[in-house]
Amino acid sequence: MGYESAQEGKPVQEWYEGLREEAREEIFDLIDTLRGLTGNLWTKPEFDHLRGEQGISELRPDNIRCDEGELTYRIYGYSGPGKQQYTLLHGTLKNEKN
């Protein structure tokens, strides 16, 4: 599922549609793979629970190599609202390490 609001529309979908094709393919493949697994099989490096972030986790597609170098994308979300659902909240190009 993707976050949607009257004010913002579908921000993750809009972000995704603006990405280069290689990034969209990598993200699609990751989500498609995770969709077939139960939640307890979602593990690093593709998935990471963010400690201290009140249930927020990140999807971690493989980096994309291009003319600009290596691009790292992250999609943040949470498990829910229903059973066996995951909601995408925010997608971003990650420019620096934590």
N, C-alpha and C. Protein backbone atom coordinates (compact mmCIF):
# COMPACT_ATOMS: atom_id res chain seq x y z
N MET A 1 0.85 -1.17 0.00
CA MET A 1 0.00 0.00 0.00
C MET A 1 0.89 1.23 0.00
N GLY A 2 0.35 2.35 -0.42
CA GLY A 2 1.08 3.60 -0.41
C GLY A 2 0.31 4.67 0.32
N TYR A 3 1.02 5.49 1.06
CA TYR A 3 0.40 6.61 1.77
C TYR A 3 -0.29 7.52 0.77
N GLU A 4 -1.49 7.99 1.14
CA GLU A 4 -2.25 8.91 0.31
C GLU A 4 -2.98 9.89 1.21
N SER A 5 -2.95 11.17 0.83
CA SER A 5 -3.69 12.18 1.58
C SER A 5 -4.31 13.18 0.61
N ALA A 6 -5.33 13.89 1.08
CA ALA A 6 -5.98 14.89 0.24
C ALA A 6 -5.01 16.00 -0.14
N GLN A 7 -4.13 16.39 0.76
CA GLN A 7 -3.19 17.48 0.50
C GLN A 7 -2.01 17.05 -0.36
N GLU A 8 -1.45 15.89 -0.08
CA GLU A 8 -0.22 15.46 -0.76
C GLU A 8 -0.45 14.49 -1.91
N GLY A 9 -1.63 13.98 -2.05
CA GLY A 9 -1.87 12.98 -3.07
C GLY A 9 -1.19 11.68 -2.72
N LYS A 10 -0.43 11.13 -3.66
CA LYS A 10 0.30 9.87 -3.46
C LYS A 10 1.80 10.17 -3.60
N PRO A 11 2.43 10.68 -2.55
CA PRO A 11 3.82 11.13 -2.69
C PRO A 11 4.81 10.04 -3.08
N VAL A 12 4.66 8.82 -2.59
CA VAL A 12 5.60 7.76 -2.94
C VAL A 12 5.42 7.37 -4.41
N GLN A 13 4.18 7.30 -4.86
CA GLN A 13 3.92 6.96 -6.26
C GLN A 13 4.48 8.03 -7.19
N GLU A 14 4.30 9.29 -6.84
CA GLU A 14 4.83 10.39 -7.66
C GLU A 14 6.36 10.36 -7.68
N TRP A 15 6.98 10.11 -6.53
CA TRP A 15 8.43 10.00 -6.45
C TRP A 15 8.92 8.86 -7.34
N TYR A 16 8.28 7.71 -7.21
CA TYR A 16 8.65 6.52 -7.97
C TYR A 16 8.56 6.78 -9.47
N GLU A 17 7.51 7.40 -9.91
CA GLU A 17 7.31 7.65 -11.34
C GLU A 17 8.35 8.62 -11.90
N GLY A 18 8.96 9.45 -11.05
CA GLY A 18 9.98 10.38 -11.48
C GLY A 18 11.39 9.82 -11.52
N LEU A 19 11.56 8.57 -11.08
CA LEU A 19 12.89 7.95 -11.05
C LEU A 19 13.30 7.45 -12.42
N ARG A 20 14.60 7.28 -12.60
CA ARG A 20 15.11 6.68 -13.83
C ARG A 20 14.63 5.23 -13.89
N GLU A 21 14.57 4.70 -15.09
CA GLU A 21 14.01 3.37 -15.31
C GLU A 21 14.72 2.29 -14.50
N GLU A 22 16.05 2.35 -14.42
CA GLU A 22 16.80 1.33 -13.69
C GLU A 22 16.40 1.30 -12.21
N ALA A 23 16.18 2.46 -11.63
CA ALA A 23 15.77 2.54 -10.23
C ALA A 23 14.36 1.98 -10.05
N ARG A 24 13.45 2.34 -10.94
CA ARG A 24 12.08 1.82 -10.85
C ARG A 24 12.08 0.30 -10.95
N GLU A 25 12.89 -0.25 -11.87
CA GLU A 25 12.95 -1.71 -12.01
C GLU A 25 13.49 -2.38 -10.76
N GLU A 26 14.53 -1.81 -10.17
CA GLU A 26 15.13 -2.38 -8.97
C GLU A 26 14.13 -2.35 -7.80
N ILE A 27 13.43 -1.24 -7.65
CA ILE A 27 12.43 -1.10 -6.58
C ILE A 27 11.27 -2.07 -6.82
N PHE A 28 10.79 -2.15 -8.04
CA PHE A 28 9.70 -3.07 -8.36
C PHE A 28 10.10 -4.50 -8.03
N ASP A 29 11.31 -4.91 -8.45
CA ASP A 29 11.77 -6.27 -8.19
C ASP A 29 11.86 -6.56 -6.70
N LEU A 30 12.35 -5.60 -5.92
CA LEU A 30 12.45 -5.79 -4.47
C LEU A 30 11.07 -5.97 -3.85
N ILE A 31 10.14 -5.10 -4.18
CA ILE A 31 8.79 -5.19 -3.61
C ILE A 31 8.11 -6.48 -4.05
N ASP A 32 8.31 -6.85 -5.30
CA ASP A 32 7.72 -8.09 -5.80
C ASP A 32 8.27 -9.31 -5.04
N THR A 33 9.57 -9.30 -4.75
CA THR A 33 10.18 -10.39 -3.98
C THR A 33 9.64 -10.43 -2.57
N LEU A 34 9.60 -9.28 -1.90
CA LEU A 34 9.13 -9.23 -0.51
C LEU A 34 7.66 -9.61 -0.40
N ARG A 35 6.89 -9.26 -1.39
CA ARG A 35 5.45 -9.56 -1.38
C ARG A 35 5.19 -11.05 -1.22
N GLY A 36 6.09 -11.88 -1.76
CA GLY A 36 5.91 -13.33 -1.68
C GLY A 36 6.41 -13.96 -0.40
N LEU A 37 6.97 -13.15 0.51
CA LEU A 37 7.53 -13.68 1.76
C LEU A 37 6.68 -13.23 2.94
N THR A 38 6.59 -14.05 3.97
CA THR A 38 5.93 -13.60 5.19
C THR A 38 6.83 -12.57 5.87
N GLY A 39 6.25 -11.71 6.68
CA GLY A 39 6.96 -10.61 7.31
C GLY A 39 8.20 -11.00 8.09
N ASN A 40 8.17 -12.17 8.74
CA ASN A 40 9.34 -12.57 9.53
C ASN A 40 10.52 -12.98 8.65
N LEU A 41 10.32 -13.12 7.34
CA LEU A 41 11.41 -13.41 6.42
C LEU A 41 11.98 -12.16 5.76
N TRP A 42 11.41 -11.01 6.06
CA TRP A 42 11.95 -9.75 5.56
C TRP A 42 13.15 -9.41 6.44
N THR A 43 14.34 -9.46 5.88
CA THR A 43 15.57 -9.26 6.65
C THR A 43 16.55 -8.37 5.89
N LYS A 44 17.63 -8.02 6.60
CA LYS A 44 18.70 -7.26 5.96
C LYS A 44 19.34 -8.13 4.88
N PRO A 45 19.85 -7.58 3.84
CA PRO A 45 20.06 -6.16 3.61
C PRO A 45 18.88 -5.47 2.93
N GLU A 46 17.87 -6.23 2.47
CA GLU A 46 16.76 -5.62 1.73
C GLU A 46 15.77 -4.86 2.61
N PHE A 47 15.71 -5.21 3.88
CA PHE A 47 14.72 -4.65 4.79
C PHE A 47 15.38 -4.40 6.14
N ASP A 48 15.06 -3.27 6.76
CA ASP A 48 15.69 -2.96 8.04
C ASP A 48 14.69 -2.23 8.94
N HIS A 49 14.47 -2.78 10.14
CA HIS A 49 13.70 -2.07 11.15
C HIS A 49 14.57 -0.95 11.69
N LEU A 50 14.07 0.25 11.71
CA LEU A 50 14.87 1.38 12.21
C LEU A 50 14.65 1.50 13.71
N ARG A 51 15.70 1.23 14.46
CA ARG A 51 15.60 1.28 15.92
C ARG A 51 15.26 2.69 16.40
N GLY A 52 14.34 2.76 17.36
CA GLY A 52 13.96 4.04 17.95
C GLY A 52 13.04 4.88 17.08
N GLU A 53 12.52 4.31 16.00
CA GLU A 53 11.67 5.08 15.09
C GLU A 53 10.22 4.64 15.12
N GLN A 54 9.78 4.08 16.21
CA GLN A 54 8.37 3.76 16.47
C GLN A 54 7.71 2.96 15.35
N GLY A 55 8.37 1.87 14.95
CA GLY A 55 7.77 0.95 13.98
C GLY A 55 8.08 1.26 12.53
N ILE A 56 8.81 2.32 12.26
CA ILE A 56 9.17 2.65 10.88
C ILE A 56 10.34 1.76 10.45
N SER A 57 10.29 1.32 9.22
CA SER A 57 11.35 0.48 8.67
C SER A 57 11.68 0.99 7.27
N GLU A 58 12.73 0.44 6.69
CA GLU A 58 13.11 0.88 5.35
C GLU A 58 13.31 -0.31 4.43
N LEU A 59 12.90 -0.10 3.18
CA LEU A 59 13.19 -1.04 2.11
C LEU A 59 14.46 -0.53 1.45
N ARG A 60 15.37 -1.45 1.16
CA ARG A 60 16.69 -1.06 0.69
C ARG A 60 17.02 -1.74 -0.64
N PRO A 61 16.55 -1.16 -1.76
CA PRO A 61 16.89 -1.75 -3.05
C PRO A 61 18.39 -1.63 -3.31
N ASP A 62 18.90 -2.48 -4.20
CA ASP A 62 20.31 -2.40 -4.57
C ASP A 62 20.61 -1.02 -5.15
N ASN A 63 21.85 -0.58 -4.95
CA ASN A 63 22.27 0.70 -5.50
C ASN A 63 22.24 0.66 -7.02
N ILE A 64 22.03 1.82 -7.62
CA ILE A 64 21.97 1.95 -9.06
C ILE A 64 23.25 2.64 -9.53
N ARG A 65 23.97 2.00 -10.44
CA ARG A 65 25.17 2.61 -11.01
C ARG A 65 24.80 3.36 -12.28
N CYS A 66 25.29 4.60 -12.38
CA CYS A 66 24.99 5.43 -13.53
C CYS A 66 26.12 6.43 -13.73
N ASP A 67 25.94 7.36 -14.66
CA ASP A 67 26.96 8.36 -14.94
C ASP A 67 27.28 9.22 -13.73
N GLU A 68 26.30 9.44 -12.86
CA GLU A 68 26.50 10.26 -11.66
C GLU A 68 27.22 9.51 -10.54
N GLY A 69 27.44 8.24 -10.72
CA GLY A 69 28.07 7.41 -9.70
C GLY A 69 27.11 6.33 -9.25
N GLU A 70 27.13 6.03 -7.98
CA GLU A 70 26.26 5.00 -7.41
C GLU A 70 25.17 5.68 -6.59
N LEU A 71 23.91 5.43 -6.94
CA LEU A 71 22.78 6.06 -6.26
C LEU A 71 22.14 5.08 -5.30
N THR A 72 21.87 5.55 -4.09
CA THR A 72 21.25 4.74 -3.04
C THR A 72 19.85 5.26 -2.77
N TYR A 73 18.86 4.40 -2.95
CA TYR A 73 17.47 4.77 -2.70
C TYR A 73 16.95 4.05 -1.47
N ARG A 74 16.06 4.70 -0.75
CA ARG A 74 15.40 4.10 0.40
C ARG A 74 13.91 4.42 0.34
N ILE A 75 13.10 3.46 0.78
CA ILE A 75 11.67 3.67 0.91
C ILE A 75 11.31 3.35 2.35
N TYR A 76 10.70 4.30 3.02
CA TYR A 76 10.34 4.14 4.43
C TYR A 76 8.86 3.79 4.53
N GLY A 77 8.54 2.95 5.49
CA GLY A 77 7.16 2.53 5.68
C GLY A 77 6.98 1.83 7.01
N TYR A 78 5.83 1.19 7.16
CA TYR A 78 5.53 0.45 8.39
C TYR A 78 4.62 -0.73 8.06
N SER A 79 4.63 -1.71 8.93
CA SER A 79 3.76 -2.88 8.78
C SER A 79 2.36 -2.50 9.23
N GLY A 80 1.42 -2.60 8.32
CA GLY A 80 0.03 -2.27 8.64
C GLY A 80 -0.56 -1.41 7.54
N PRO A 81 -1.80 -1.01 7.69
CA PRO A 81 -2.60 -1.05 8.90
C PRO A 81 -3.22 -2.42 9.17
N GLY A 82 -3.39 -3.21 8.14
CA GLY A 82 -3.98 -4.53 8.33
C GLY A 82 -2.92 -5.61 8.45
N LYS A 83 -3.39 -6.80 8.73
CA LYS A 83 -2.50 -7.95 8.83
C LYS A 83 -1.91 -8.23 7.45
N GLN A 84 -0.63 -8.54 7.40
CA GLN A 84 0.10 -8.84 6.17
C GLN A 84 0.03 -7.70 5.15
N GLN A 85 0.06 -6.46 5.65
CA GLN A 85 0.12 -5.28 4.80
C GLN A 85 1.34 -4.45 5.18
N TYR A 86 1.88 -3.76 4.21
CA TYR A 86 2.99 -2.85 4.43
C TYR A 86 2.64 -1.56 3.71
N THR A 87 2.77 -0.43 4.39
CA THR A 87 2.42 0.86 3.81
C THR A 87 3.68 1.66 3.54
N LEU A 88 3.85 2.08 2.30
CA LEU A 88 4.97 2.92 1.90
C LEU A 88 4.65 4.37 2.27
N LEU A 89 5.55 5.01 3.00
CA LEU A 89 5.32 6.38 3.47
C LEU A 89 6.13 7.43 2.73
N HIS A 90 7.37 7.10 2.40
CA HIS A 90 8.27 8.11 1.84
C HIS A 90 9.39 7.43 1.07
N GLY A 91 9.71 7.95 -0.11
CA GLY A 91 10.84 7.45 -0.88
C GLY A 91 11.85 8.55 -1.07
N THR A 92 13.13 8.19 -1.06
CA THR A 92 14.16 9.21 -1.16
C THR A 92 15.45 8.67 -1.75
N LEU A 93 16.24 9.59 -2.28
CA LEU A 93 17.61 9.30 -2.66
C LEU A 93 18.44 9.56 -1.42
N LYS A 94 19.14 8.57 -0.97
CA LYS A 94 19.91 8.70 0.26
C LYS A 94 21.33 9.15 -0.09
N ASN A 95 21.66 10.37 0.30
CA ASN A 95 22.94 10.95 -0.09
C ASN A 95 24.05 10.74 0.90
N GLU A 96 23.73 10.39 2.14
CA GLU A 96 24.79 10.22 3.13
C GLU A 96 24.46 9.08 4.05
N LYS A 97 25.48 8.53 4.67
CA LYS A 97 25.29 7.43 5.62
C LYS A 97 24.84 7.98 6.96
N ASN A 98 24.13 7.14 7.70
CA ASN A 98 23.69 7.56 9.03
C ASN A 98 24.87 7.62 9.97
